[in-house]
Amino acid sequence: MPSVSQVFEIPGYYYFDAGNDFSGSKGDFAYKIINGERFRAIAWHGRLCSMKAEIEHEADFERTPDGFAALVKWLEETYNK
């Protein structure tokens, strides 16, 4: 399955349209995409899971293909800061 991101291995929109959440990491940077009425993206540094980590960044996006594209762009920009 090809990734929609140049930085992370994130599945396509239809994976999320089916109601799935997704988490991943690159180096010390970890993230989670949470499905709901909107997409919520959270990011932190370290190896702890999202329930135990100190969340450093979070943002909400429309649950649409365009909102998903904006979420992926936000994750990449947050990682590159």
N, C-alpha and C. Protein backbone atom coordinates (compact mmCIF):
# COMPACT_ATOMS: atom_id res chain seq x y z
N MET A 1 0.85 -1.17 0.00
CA MET A 1 0.00 0.00 0.00
C MET A 1 0.90 1.24 0.00
N PRO A 2 0.78 2.09 -1.00
CA PRO A 2 1.63 3.29 -1.05
C PRO A 2 1.23 4.31 0.02
N SER A 3 2.20 5.04 0.48
CA SER A 3 1.97 6.07 1.49
C SER A 3 1.54 7.37 0.83
N VAL A 4 0.73 8.14 1.53
CA VAL A 4 0.30 9.45 1.03
C VAL A 4 1.26 10.55 1.46
N SER A 5 2.28 10.20 2.20
CA SER A 5 3.22 11.17 2.76
C SER A 5 4.62 10.95 2.19
N GLN A 6 5.35 12.05 2.05
CA GLN A 6 6.75 11.97 1.64
C GLN A 6 7.66 11.63 2.82
N VAL A 7 7.14 11.78 4.05
CA VAL A 7 7.95 11.61 5.26
C VAL A 7 7.56 10.34 6.03
N PHE A 8 6.26 10.09 6.16
CA PHE A 8 5.75 9.00 6.98
C PHE A 8 5.08 7.93 6.12
N GLU A 9 4.95 6.75 6.67
CA GLU A 9 4.21 5.68 6.00
C GLU A 9 2.77 5.71 6.51
N ILE A 10 1.94 6.49 5.83
CA ILE A 10 0.54 6.67 6.21
C ILE A 10 -0.33 6.11 5.10
N PRO A 11 -1.32 5.26 5.43
CA PRO A 11 -2.20 4.73 4.39
C PRO A 11 -3.10 5.83 3.82
N GLY A 12 -3.76 5.50 2.72
CA GLY A 12 -4.62 6.47 2.04
C GLY A 12 -5.89 6.79 2.80
N TYR A 13 -6.60 7.77 2.29
CA TYR A 13 -7.82 8.28 2.92
C TYR A 13 -8.83 7.17 3.20
N TYR A 14 -8.98 6.21 2.30
CA TYR A 14 -10.02 5.19 2.46
C TYR A 14 -9.79 4.29 3.65
N TYR A 15 -8.56 4.14 4.09
CA TYR A 15 -8.26 3.42 5.33
C TYR A 15 -8.96 4.12 6.49
N PHE A 16 -8.91 5.43 6.50
CA PHE A 16 -9.51 6.21 7.57
C PHE A 16 -11.02 6.36 7.38
N ASP A 17 -11.46 6.42 6.14
CA ASP A 17 -12.89 6.51 5.85
C ASP A 17 -13.63 5.28 6.38
N ALA A 18 -12.90 4.17 6.53
CA ALA A 18 -13.48 2.94 7.09
C ALA A 18 -13.55 3.00 8.62
N GLY A 19 -13.08 4.10 9.23
CA GLY A 19 -13.20 4.28 10.67
C GLY A 19 -11.98 3.92 11.48
N ASN A 20 -10.86 3.66 10.82
CA ASN A 20 -9.64 3.25 11.52
C ASN A 20 -8.85 4.44 12.05
N ASP A 21 -8.20 4.24 13.19
CA ASP A 21 -7.19 5.16 13.71
C ASP A 21 -5.84 4.66 13.21
N PHE A 22 -4.80 5.48 13.35
CA PHE A 22 -3.47 5.07 12.89
C PHE A 22 -2.43 5.79 13.71
N SER A 23 -1.37 5.09 14.06
CA SER A 23 -0.25 5.74 14.74
C SER A 23 1.05 5.27 14.12
N GLY A 24 2.06 6.11 14.25
CA GLY A 24 3.36 5.78 13.69
C GLY A 24 4.43 6.68 14.29
N SER A 25 5.64 6.48 13.81
CA SER A 25 6.74 7.30 14.31
C SER A 25 7.85 7.33 13.26
N LYS A 26 8.71 8.31 13.44
CA LYS A 26 9.94 8.40 12.66
C LYS A 26 10.98 8.96 13.60
N GLY A 27 11.99 8.14 13.88
CA GLY A 27 12.97 8.55 14.87
C GLY A 27 12.29 8.73 16.21
N ASP A 28 12.49 9.88 16.83
CA ASP A 28 11.93 10.18 18.14
C ASP A 28 10.57 10.86 18.04
N PHE A 29 10.08 11.13 16.84
CA PHE A 29 8.81 11.83 16.61
C PHE A 29 7.70 10.80 16.43
N ALA A 30 6.67 10.89 17.26
CA ALA A 30 5.55 9.96 17.19
C ALA A 30 4.26 10.74 16.92
N TYR A 31 3.30 10.07 16.30
CA TYR A 31 2.04 10.73 15.96
C TYR A 31 0.90 9.72 15.98
N LYS A 32 -0.30 10.25 16.08
CA LYS A 32 -1.50 9.42 16.02
C LYS A 32 -2.59 10.20 15.30
N ILE A 33 -3.30 9.52 14.41
CA ILE A 33 -4.44 10.10 13.71
C ILE A 33 -5.67 9.40 14.26
N ILE A 34 -6.57 10.19 14.84
CA ILE A 34 -7.75 9.66 15.51
C ILE A 34 -8.99 10.02 14.70
N ASN A 35 -9.79 9.01 14.43
CA ASN A 35 -11.00 9.18 13.66
C ASN A 35 -12.17 9.56 14.56
N GLY A 36 -13.02 10.40 14.08
CA GLY A 36 -14.24 10.80 14.78
C GLY A 36 -15.08 11.60 13.81
N GLU A 37 -15.88 12.52 14.33
CA GLU A 37 -16.62 13.40 13.42
C GLU A 37 -15.64 14.24 12.61
N ARG A 38 -14.47 14.50 13.19
CA ARG A 38 -13.35 15.17 12.52
C ARG A 38 -12.12 14.31 12.74
N PHE A 39 -11.09 14.53 11.94
CA PHE A 39 -9.80 13.89 12.21
C PHE A 39 -9.08 14.71 13.27
N ARG A 40 -8.45 14.05 14.22
CA ARG A 40 -7.59 14.71 15.21
C ARG A 40 -6.20 14.12 15.04
N ALA A 41 -5.23 14.99 14.91
CA ALA A 41 -3.83 14.56 14.82
C ALA A 41 -3.12 15.04 16.07
N ILE A 42 -2.36 14.15 16.68
CA ILE A 42 -1.56 14.50 17.84
C ILE A 42 -0.12 14.05 17.58
N ALA A 43 0.82 14.77 18.16
CA ALA A 43 2.24 14.44 17.95
C ALA A 43 3.02 14.72 19.22
N TRP A 44 4.08 13.95 19.42
CA TRP A 44 4.94 14.10 20.60
C TRP A 44 6.30 13.48 20.29
N HIS A 45 7.23 13.69 21.17
CA HIS A 45 8.56 13.09 21.04
C HIS A 45 8.73 12.04 22.13
N GLY A 46 9.36 10.94 21.79
CA GLY A 46 9.63 9.89 22.77
C GLY A 46 8.98 8.58 22.37
N ARG A 47 9.25 7.58 23.15
CA ARG A 47 8.79 6.22 22.86
C ARG A 47 7.53 5.83 23.63
N LEU A 48 6.99 6.72 24.46
CA LEU A 48 5.78 6.39 25.20
C LEU A 48 4.57 6.39 24.26
N CYS A 49 3.56 5.60 24.60
CA CYS A 49 2.33 5.61 23.83
C CYS A 49 1.60 6.92 24.05
N SER A 50 0.62 7.21 23.21
CA SER A 50 -0.09 8.50 23.29
C SER A 50 -0.81 8.69 24.62
N MET A 51 -1.21 7.61 25.27
CA MET A 51 -1.91 7.72 26.55
C MET A 51 -0.98 8.17 27.67
N LYS A 52 0.32 7.90 27.54
CA LYS A 52 1.27 8.24 28.60
C LYS A 52 2.20 9.39 28.24
N ALA A 53 2.24 9.74 26.98
CA ALA A 53 3.16 10.79 26.51
C ALA A 53 2.60 12.17 26.80
N GLU A 54 3.50 13.14 26.82
CA GLU A 54 3.09 14.55 26.89
C GLU A 54 2.89 15.01 25.45
N ILE A 55 1.64 15.23 25.08
CA ILE A 55 1.31 15.63 23.71
C ILE A 55 1.81 17.06 23.49
N GLU A 56 2.62 17.24 22.46
CA GLU A 56 3.24 18.53 22.18
C GLU A 56 2.48 19.34 21.13
N HIS A 57 1.82 18.65 20.22
CA HIS A 57 1.11 19.31 19.12
C HIS A 57 -0.19 18.56 18.87
N GLU A 58 -1.25 19.31 18.56
CA GLU A 58 -2.50 18.67 18.18
C GLU A 58 -3.30 19.62 17.30
N ALA A 59 -4.08 19.02 16.40
CA ALA A 59 -4.90 19.81 15.49
C ALA A 59 -6.05 18.96 14.99
N ASP A 60 -7.16 19.62 14.65
CA ASP A 60 -8.34 18.95 14.11
C ASP A 60 -8.51 19.33 12.64
N PHE A 61 -9.05 18.39 11.86
CA PHE A 61 -9.25 18.59 10.44
C PHE A 61 -10.59 18.00 10.02
N GLU A 62 -11.17 18.56 8.97
CA GLU A 62 -12.42 18.02 8.43
C GLU A 62 -12.21 16.56 8.03
N ARG A 63 -13.25 15.77 8.19
CA ARG A 63 -13.17 14.35 7.82
C ARG A 63 -13.59 14.21 6.35
N THR A 64 -12.75 14.77 5.50
CA THR A 64 -12.93 14.74 4.06
C THR A 64 -11.57 14.45 3.42
N PRO A 65 -11.54 14.11 2.14
CA PRO A 65 -10.24 13.93 1.49
C PRO A 65 -9.35 15.18 1.58
N ASP A 66 -9.93 16.37 1.42
CA ASP A 66 -9.14 17.59 1.53
C ASP A 66 -8.65 17.81 2.96
N GLY A 67 -9.50 17.53 3.94
CA GLY A 67 -9.09 17.64 5.33
C GLY A 67 -7.97 16.66 5.66
N PHE A 68 -8.05 15.46 5.09
CA PHE A 68 -7.01 14.46 5.31
C PHE A 68 -5.69 14.92 4.69
N ALA A 69 -5.75 15.49 3.50
CA ALA A 69 -4.53 16.01 2.86
C ALA A 69 -3.91 17.11 3.71
N ALA A 70 -4.75 17.98 4.29
CA ALA A 70 -4.26 19.04 5.16
C ALA A 70 -3.62 18.46 6.42
N LEU A 71 -4.19 17.38 6.95
CA LEU A 71 -3.63 16.71 8.13
C LEU A 71 -2.24 16.16 7.82
N VAL A 72 -2.09 15.49 6.69
CA VAL A 72 -0.78 14.93 6.31
C VAL A 72 0.23 16.05 6.16
N LYS A 73 -0.15 17.14 5.52
CA LYS A 73 0.75 18.29 5.36
C LYS A 73 1.13 18.85 6.73
N TRP A 74 0.17 18.98 7.64
CA TRP A 74 0.43 19.48 8.99
C TRP A 74 1.43 18.58 9.72
N LEU A 75 1.25 17.25 9.62
CA LEU A 75 2.19 16.32 10.27
C LEU A 75 3.59 16.50 9.73
N GLU A 76 3.73 16.60 8.41
CA GLU A 76 5.05 16.76 7.81
C GLU A 76 5.70 18.07 8.25
N GLU A 77 4.92 19.15 8.26
CA GLU A 77 5.47 20.46 8.68
C GLU A 77 5.84 20.43 10.16
N THR A 78 5.03 19.78 10.99
CA THR A 78 5.32 19.70 12.42
C THR A 78 6.59 18.88 12.64
N TYR A 79 6.76 17.82 11.90
CA TYR A 79 7.98 17.00 12.00
C TYR A 79 9.23 17.81 11.58
N ASN A 80 9.09 18.61 10.55
CA ASN A 80 10.23 19.35 9.99
C ASN A 80 10.61 20.60 10.78
N LYS A 81 9.83 20.97 11.78
CA LYS A 81 10.15 22.15 12.59
C LYS A 81 11.31 21.89 13.51
